[in-house]
Protein backbone atom coordinates (compact mmCIF):
# COMPACT_ATOMS: atom_id res chain seq x y z
CA MET A 1 104.81 133.96 49.60
CA LYS A 2 101.50 133.21 51.35
CA LEU A 3 100.34 131.20 48.34
CA PHE A 4 103.56 129.17 48.44
CA VAL A 5 103.14 128.44 52.15
CA LYS A 6 99.52 127.39 51.59
CA LYS A 7 100.62 124.98 48.85
CA ILE A 8 103.27 123.46 51.10
CA VAL A 9 100.79 123.08 53.97
CA ALA A 10 98.23 121.52 51.61
CA GLN A 11 100.81 119.05 50.29
CA ILE A 12 101.81 118.12 53.84
CA LEU A 13 98.18 117.57 54.80
CA ILE A 14 97.57 115.41 51.72
CA PHE A 15 100.72 113.43 52.50
CA LEU A 16 99.56 112.89 56.09
CA CYS A 17 96.14 111.79 54.87
CA VAL A 18 97.75 109.22 52.57
CA LEU A 19 99.96 108.01 55.42
CA SER A 20 96.94 107.77 57.72
CA PHE A 21 95.04 105.69 55.16
CA LEU A 22 98.02 103.35 54.67
CA ASP A 23 98.45 103.10 58.44
CA TYR A 24 94.80 102.14 58.87
CA PHE A 25 94.99 99.57 56.08
CA VAL A 26 98.19 97.87 57.28
CA SER A 27 97.23 97.98 60.95
CA ASN A 28 93.82 96.47 60.27
CA ALA A 29 95.40 93.64 58.29
CA LEU A 30 97.81 92.89 61.14
CA LYS A 31 94.97 92.90 63.67
CA LYS A 32 93.22 90.17 61.69
CA SER A 33 96.28 87.96 61.45
CA GLY A 34 95.88 85.06 63.89
CA ASP A 35 99.57 84.17 64.10
CA PHE A 36 101.26 87.60 63.87
CA ALA A 37 103.39 88.41 66.96
CA TYR A 38 102.67 84.95 68.42
CA GLY A 39 98.93 85.57 68.33
CA ASP A 40 99.03 88.59 70.62
CA CYS A 41 97.05 90.78 68.23
CA ILE A 42 94.02 88.55 68.69
CA ILE A 43 94.29 89.09 72.45
CA TRP A 44 94.55 92.87 72.06
CA ASN A 45 91.55 92.87 69.71
CA GLU A 46 89.47 91.06 72.33
CA LEU A 47 90.59 93.44 75.07
CA LEU A 48 90.08 96.66 73.11
CA ASN A 49 86.72 95.61 71.66
CA GLY A 50 85.16 94.50 74.95
CA LYS A 51 85.01 90.81 74.05
CA ILE A 52 86.43 89.48 77.33
CA LYS A 53 83.48 88.23 79.37
CA GLU A 54 84.91 85.20 81.16
CA ASP A 55 84.48 84.48 84.89
CA ILE A 56 88.16 83.70 85.45
CA LEU A 57 91.10 85.56 83.88
CA ILE A 58 94.71 84.38 84.00
CA TYR A 59 97.42 87.05 84.20
CA GLY A 60 101.14 86.47 83.85
CA SER A 61 104.06 86.01 81.48
CA SER A 62 104.74 83.15 79.05
CA ARG A 63 104.54 80.84 82.07
CA ALA A 64 100.90 81.83 82.29
CA TRP A 65 99.93 81.35 78.66
CA VAL A 66 101.57 77.92 78.30
CA HIS A 67 100.79 76.55 81.79
CA PHE A 68 97.14 77.37 82.55
CA ASN A 69 94.62 75.64 80.28
CA PRO A 70 91.30 77.59 80.36
CA ASN A 71 89.30 74.66 78.96
CA ILE A 72 90.35 72.36 81.81
CA ILE A 73 89.55 75.09 84.34
CA GLN A 74 86.14 75.65 82.79
CA ASP A 75 85.28 71.94 82.53
CA SER A 76 86.26 71.33 86.14
CA LEU A 77 84.92 74.42 87.90
CA GLY A 78 82.01 75.36 85.66
CA LEU A 79 83.42 78.88 85.35
CA THR A 80 84.47 80.27 81.97
CA ALA A 81 88.17 81.18 81.72
CA TYR A 82 90.50 83.17 79.45
CA ASN A 83 94.30 83.32 79.47
CA LEU A 84 95.77 86.83 79.20
CA GLY A 85 99.41 85.80 79.70
CA ILE A 86 101.84 88.05 77.79
CA ASP A 87 105.07 86.47 76.58
CA GLY A 88 108.38 87.76 77.91
CA HIS A 89 107.03 90.46 80.22
CA ASN A 90 106.60 90.97 83.92
CA PHE A 91 103.70 92.52 85.80
CA TRP A 92 104.17 95.97 84.22
CA LEU A 93 102.63 95.00 80.87
CA GLN A 94 100.39 92.43 82.52
CA HIS A 95 98.85 95.39 84.33
CA LEU A 96 98.32 97.15 81.00
CA ARG A 97 96.09 94.24 79.98
CA HIS A 98 94.33 94.41 83.34
CA LYS A 99 93.67 98.11 82.79
CA LYS A 100 91.99 97.27 79.47
CA VAL A 101 89.95 94.56 81.18
CA VAL A 102 88.59 97.02 83.74
CA LYS A 103 88.05 99.82 81.22
CA ASN A 104 86.51 97.93 78.29
CA ASN A 105 85.31 94.52 79.42
CA GLN A 106 83.09 92.64 81.82
CA LYS A 107 84.54 92.44 85.32
CA PRO A 108 85.79 88.90 86.11
CA LYS A 109 84.79 87.05 89.25
CA MET A 110 88.32 85.80 89.79
CA ILE A 111 91.90 86.48 88.62
CA ILE A 112 94.66 83.87 88.69
CA LEU A 113 97.93 85.77 88.94
CA SER A 114 100.71 83.54 87.60
CA LEU A 115 104.07 84.30 89.20
CA GLY A 116 107.68 83.51 88.43
CA ALA A 117 111.11 84.58 89.61
CA GLY A 118 111.06 87.49 87.15
CA ALA A 119 107.52 88.69 87.86
CA LEU A 120 108.74 91.77 89.74
CA ALA A 121 111.71 92.52 87.51
CA LYS A 122 111.41 94.94 84.59
CA ARG A 123 113.31 94.40 81.37
CA LYS A 124 114.67 97.36 79.40
CA ASP A 125 113.69 96.21 75.91
CA LEU A 126 110.11 95.98 74.63
CA TYR A 127 110.11 92.26 73.86
CA ASN A 128 107.85 91.23 70.96
CA LYS A 129 107.12 94.89 70.29
CA ASN A 130 105.45 94.03 66.96
CA GLN A 131 102.30 93.13 68.89
CA PHE A 132 101.84 96.86 69.62
CA LEU A 133 102.31 98.07 66.03
CA PRO A 134 98.59 98.19 65.11
CA TYR A 135 97.60 99.79 68.45
CA ILE A 136 100.35 102.35 68.98
CA PHE A 137 97.97 105.32 69.05
CA ASP A 138 95.98 103.91 71.98
CA ASP A 139 96.59 106.15 75.02
CA ASP A 140 97.15 103.34 77.55
CA ILE A 141 99.42 101.34 75.26
CA ARG A 142 101.45 104.46 74.55
CA GLU A 143 101.75 105.22 78.29
CA TYR A 144 102.84 101.72 79.33
CA THR A 145 105.27 101.05 76.46
CA ARG A 146 107.09 104.39 76.61
CA SER A 147 109.16 103.22 79.58
CA TYR A 148 110.86 100.57 77.40
CA ASN A 149 113.51 100.77 74.70
CA GLY A 150 111.15 100.04 71.85
CA PHE A 151 109.46 102.89 70.00
CA SER A 152 110.65 106.43 69.30
CA ASN A 153 108.63 109.60 69.94
CA LEU A 154 107.85 109.85 66.22
CA ASP A 155 106.51 106.28 66.21
CA TYR A 156 103.79 107.40 68.62
CA VAL A 157 102.62 110.40 66.59
CA LEU A 158 103.44 110.01 62.88
CA PRO A 159 101.35 107.53 60.82
CA MET A 160 103.37 104.70 59.19
CA TYR A 161 106.65 105.89 60.71
CA ARG A 162 106.92 102.83 62.99
CA TYR A 163 106.55 100.54 59.97
CA ILE A 164 109.70 101.88 58.29
CA GLY A 165 111.82 99.25 60.04
CA ASN A 166 109.22 96.59 59.28
CA VAL A 167 109.06 96.80 55.48
CA SER A 168 108.63 93.04 55.10
CA ILE A 169 105.52 93.14 57.30
CA VAL A 170 104.01 96.03 55.34
CA LYS A 171 104.85 94.40 52.01
CA LYS A 172 103.18 91.16 53.07
CA GLN A 173 99.97 92.88 54.10
CA ILE A 174 99.71 95.21 51.09
CA LEU A 175 100.78 92.83 48.31
CA ALA A 176 99.55 89.48 49.60
CA ASP A 177 96.21 88.10 48.59
CA TRP A 178 93.77 88.34 51.53
CA SER A 179 93.39 84.57 51.59
CA GLU A 180 97.09 84.26 52.37
CA ILE A 181 96.76 86.07 55.68
CA ASN A 182 96.51 83.48 58.42
CA GLN A 183 93.37 84.32 60.35
CA GLU A 184 93.45 81.14 62.42
CA SER A 185 94.31 82.02 66.01
CA TYR A 186 97.73 80.94 67.30
CA ARG A 187 96.12 80.42 70.71
CA VAL A 188 92.83 79.10 72.07
CA LYS A 189 91.24 81.41 74.65
CA GLY A 190 94.71 82.91 75.02
CA PHE A 191 96.31 79.54 75.81
CA LYS A 192 98.98 77.72 73.81
CA ALA A 193 100.07 74.18 74.65
CA ILE A 194 103.70 73.73 73.59
CA ASP A 195 104.30 70.21 72.32
CA ARG A 196 108.08 70.10 72.75
CA GLU A 197 110.61 67.93 74.54
CA TRP A 198 113.36 69.08 76.90
CA SER A 199 115.90 71.51 75.39
CA ASN A 200 119.49 72.34 76.34
CA ASP A 201 118.70 75.96 77.28
CA LEU A 202 119.55 75.47 80.97
CA LYS A 203 122.80 73.67 80.19
CA LYS A 204 123.84 76.53 77.90
CA ALA A 205 122.98 79.11 80.55
CA LYS A 206 124.97 77.25 83.20
CA SER A 207 127.99 77.09 80.92
CA LYS A 208 128.12 80.91 81.00
CA LYS A 209 127.44 81.50 84.71
CA ASN A 210 126.72 79.51 87.86
CA SER A 211 123.55 81.41 88.73
CA ILE A 212 121.56 84.56 88.02
CA PHE A 213 120.13 87.22 90.31
CA MET A 214 116.62 88.53 89.65
CA ASN A 215 116.11 92.16 90.60
CA ILE A 216 112.89 93.45 92.14
CA ASP A 217 111.74 96.69 90.53
CA MET A 218 110.06 98.81 93.20
CA LYS A 219 107.69 100.55 90.76
CA THR A 220 106.50 97.16 89.55
CA LEU A 221 106.11 95.93 93.12
CA ASN A 222 104.03 98.99 94.02
CA LEU A 223 101.94 98.52 90.86
CA LEU A 224 101.21 94.94 91.93
CA LYS A 225 100.12 96.14 95.36
CA ASP A 226 97.87 98.80 93.82
CA PHE A 227 96.35 96.10 91.63
CA LEU A 228 95.54 93.95 94.66
CA VAL A 229 93.88 96.87 96.44
CA GLU A 230 91.87 97.77 93.32
CA SER A 231 90.77 94.17 92.78
CA LYS A 232 89.50 93.92 96.33
CA GLU A 233 87.56 97.17 95.90
CA LEU A 234 86.01 95.82 92.68
CA GLY A 235 85.04 92.56 94.37
CA ILE A 236 87.41 90.45 92.25
CA TYR A 237 88.91 87.45 94.02
CA VAL A 238 92.66 87.13 93.32
CA VAL A 239 94.76 84.03 93.88
CA MET A 240 98.54 84.07 93.32
CA VAL A 241 100.01 80.89 91.83
CA TYR A 242 103.67 79.99 91.41
CA SER A 243 103.42 77.23 88.81
CA PRO A 244 106.02 74.42 88.52
CA GLU A 245 109.65 75.04 87.54
CA TYR A 246 112.16 72.29 86.88
CA ILE A 247 114.25 71.76 90.03
CA GLU A 248 117.64 72.49 88.43
CA GLY A 249 116.26 75.75 87.07
CA GLN A 250 115.07 76.71 90.54
CA ASN A 251 118.60 76.28 91.89
CA PHE A 252 119.95 78.47 89.08
CA ILE A 253 118.21 81.58 90.49
CA ALA A 254 120.42 82.86 93.31
CA ASN A 255 117.77 84.87 95.18
CA ARG A 256 114.77 82.67 94.43
CA GLU A 257 113.96 82.08 98.09
CA ASP A 258 113.90 85.84 98.73
CA ILE A 259 111.46 86.31 95.83
CA ILE A 260 109.18 83.53 97.12
CA ASN A 261 109.25 85.14 100.57
CA GLU A 262 108.28 88.46 98.99
CA PHE A 263 105.23 86.81 97.42
CA LYS A 264 104.34 85.20 100.76
CA SER A 265 104.65 88.57 102.47
CA ILE A 266 102.36 90.21 99.88
CA ALA A 267 99.81 87.42 100.26
CA LEU A 268 99.82 87.86 104.03
CA GLU A 269 99.62 91.65 103.85
CA TYR A 270 96.69 91.66 101.43
CA GLN A 271 95.07 88.49 102.81
CA ILE A 272 95.04 86.57 99.55
CA GLN A 273 95.79 82.95 98.71
CA PHE A 274 99.29 82.06 97.48
CA ILE A 275 99.76 78.56 96.07
CA ASP A 276 103.36 77.55 95.44
CA TYR A 277 104.09 74.46 93.31
CA SER A 278 107.88 74.73 93.66
CA ASN A 279 108.00 71.46 95.59
CA ASP A 280 105.46 69.56 93.51
CA GLU A 281 106.67 66.20 92.20
CA ILE A 282 106.25 67.40 88.62
CA CYS A 283 109.25 69.72 89.17
CA ASN A 284 111.60 66.72 89.31
CA ASP A 285 110.79 65.27 85.91
CA LYS A 286 112.15 66.73 82.66
CA LYS A 287 109.55 64.97 80.55
CA TYR A 288 106.95 67.55 81.61
CA PHE A 289 109.07 70.57 80.59
CA TYR A 290 110.52 71.97 77.37
CA ASN A 291 112.92 74.15 79.37
CA SER A 292 113.50 74.85 83.06
CA LEU A 293 110.79 77.54 83.26
CA HIS A 294 108.08 76.16 81.00
CA LEU A 295 105.87 73.10 81.07
CA ASN A 296 105.20 71.32 77.80
CA ALA A 297 101.71 70.28 76.62
CA LYS A 298 101.60 67.18 78.83
CA GLY A 299 102.98 69.07 81.81
CA SER A 300 100.45 71.90 81.49
CA GLU A 301 97.60 69.40 81.33
CA ILE A 302 98.74 67.62 84.51
CA PHE A 303 99.41 70.91 86.31
CA THR A 304 96.09 72.54 85.42
CA ASN A 305 94.22 69.47 86.62
CA LYS A 306 96.12 69.62 89.92
CA LEU A 307 95.39 73.34 90.20
CA VAL A 308 91.64 73.00 89.83
CA GLU A 309 91.55 70.22 92.43
CA ASP A 310 93.39 72.52 94.84
CA PHE A 311 90.98 75.33 93.98
CA LYS A 312 88.07 73.12 95.03
CA ARG A 313 89.51 73.07 98.56
CA ILE A 314 89.42 76.87 98.85
CA ASP A 315 86.21 78.16 100.44
CA ALA A 316 86.22 81.51 98.61
CA ILE A 317 86.42 79.80 95.21
CA ASN A 318 83.64 77.39 96.15
CA GLU A 319 81.49 80.40 97.01
CA ILE A 320 82.15 81.84 93.55
CA ILE A 321 81.17 78.51 91.96
CA LYS A 322 77.94 78.34 94.02
CA LYS A 323 76.95 81.91 93.19
CA ASN A 324 77.62 81.24 89.53
CA LEU A 325 75.33 78.18 89.60
CA ILE A 326 72.57 80.23 91.24
CA THR A 327 72.78 83.14 88.78
CA ASN A 328 72.91 80.82 85.77
């Protein structure tokens, strides 16, 4: 009986070893794919491997990674910049990236926190969860993603289990010739300019309901406040920016004014700068947007140039620029 049990245990161990090898192989291939999961794997690689060394980091949702052009910021301010915007998520997963910045990377001089009406909401589903597939065994990623409807308990502990529902992904990485894997990054320094014209997304949304209400998740709000306290303690200058939204989209959010007032209150409480572009002239022209929430390539270029000019009028940012010139 003991011999039988030993054989079973040995077979299980061999099976787990094979699974672990396959997991390592597939995960490594995904990590090197520049366009997989909208390029998010490249961002996670940089974060986990300590490659983020820029002076300015941009945090936020998709509104961050398509609105704030790091190259324009760098050319204008003389400070290097990197966009860490994460598509489809609020501050909860943005904070996960911040945690990796603090733990693994060089401390930035400044953080631009991109805000939107949904910044303090928390969705139930783990949007674009494929970006986490290669990194699921990381302790922080496991902790932050567990609160979403995304992965099961077995996904977090059993090698290859999470790939069962992603057979096409596994097949591509195992059977494809290495040259077929697209290693060209989907983004540049985390930024992606979207060259699209206005869509009918807002019109479709309005046909279903007159307006929407954006909830404020208290845990997310408290996490944001903790982040602001921590940043001050670390000597990181934080500026909150509400980038442009098309005017009709602004009116579609029933409690938008309350959310803006919440941001103003936070800025006052923690004595940080809050720049709101809700009334900027760009918000009245569809040609700068591809939907009500997102600027297109031309819009992001115009906005980022406006942003850096406004930054130059802020004393604290000018001090950062001066110190950077002295040290370099």
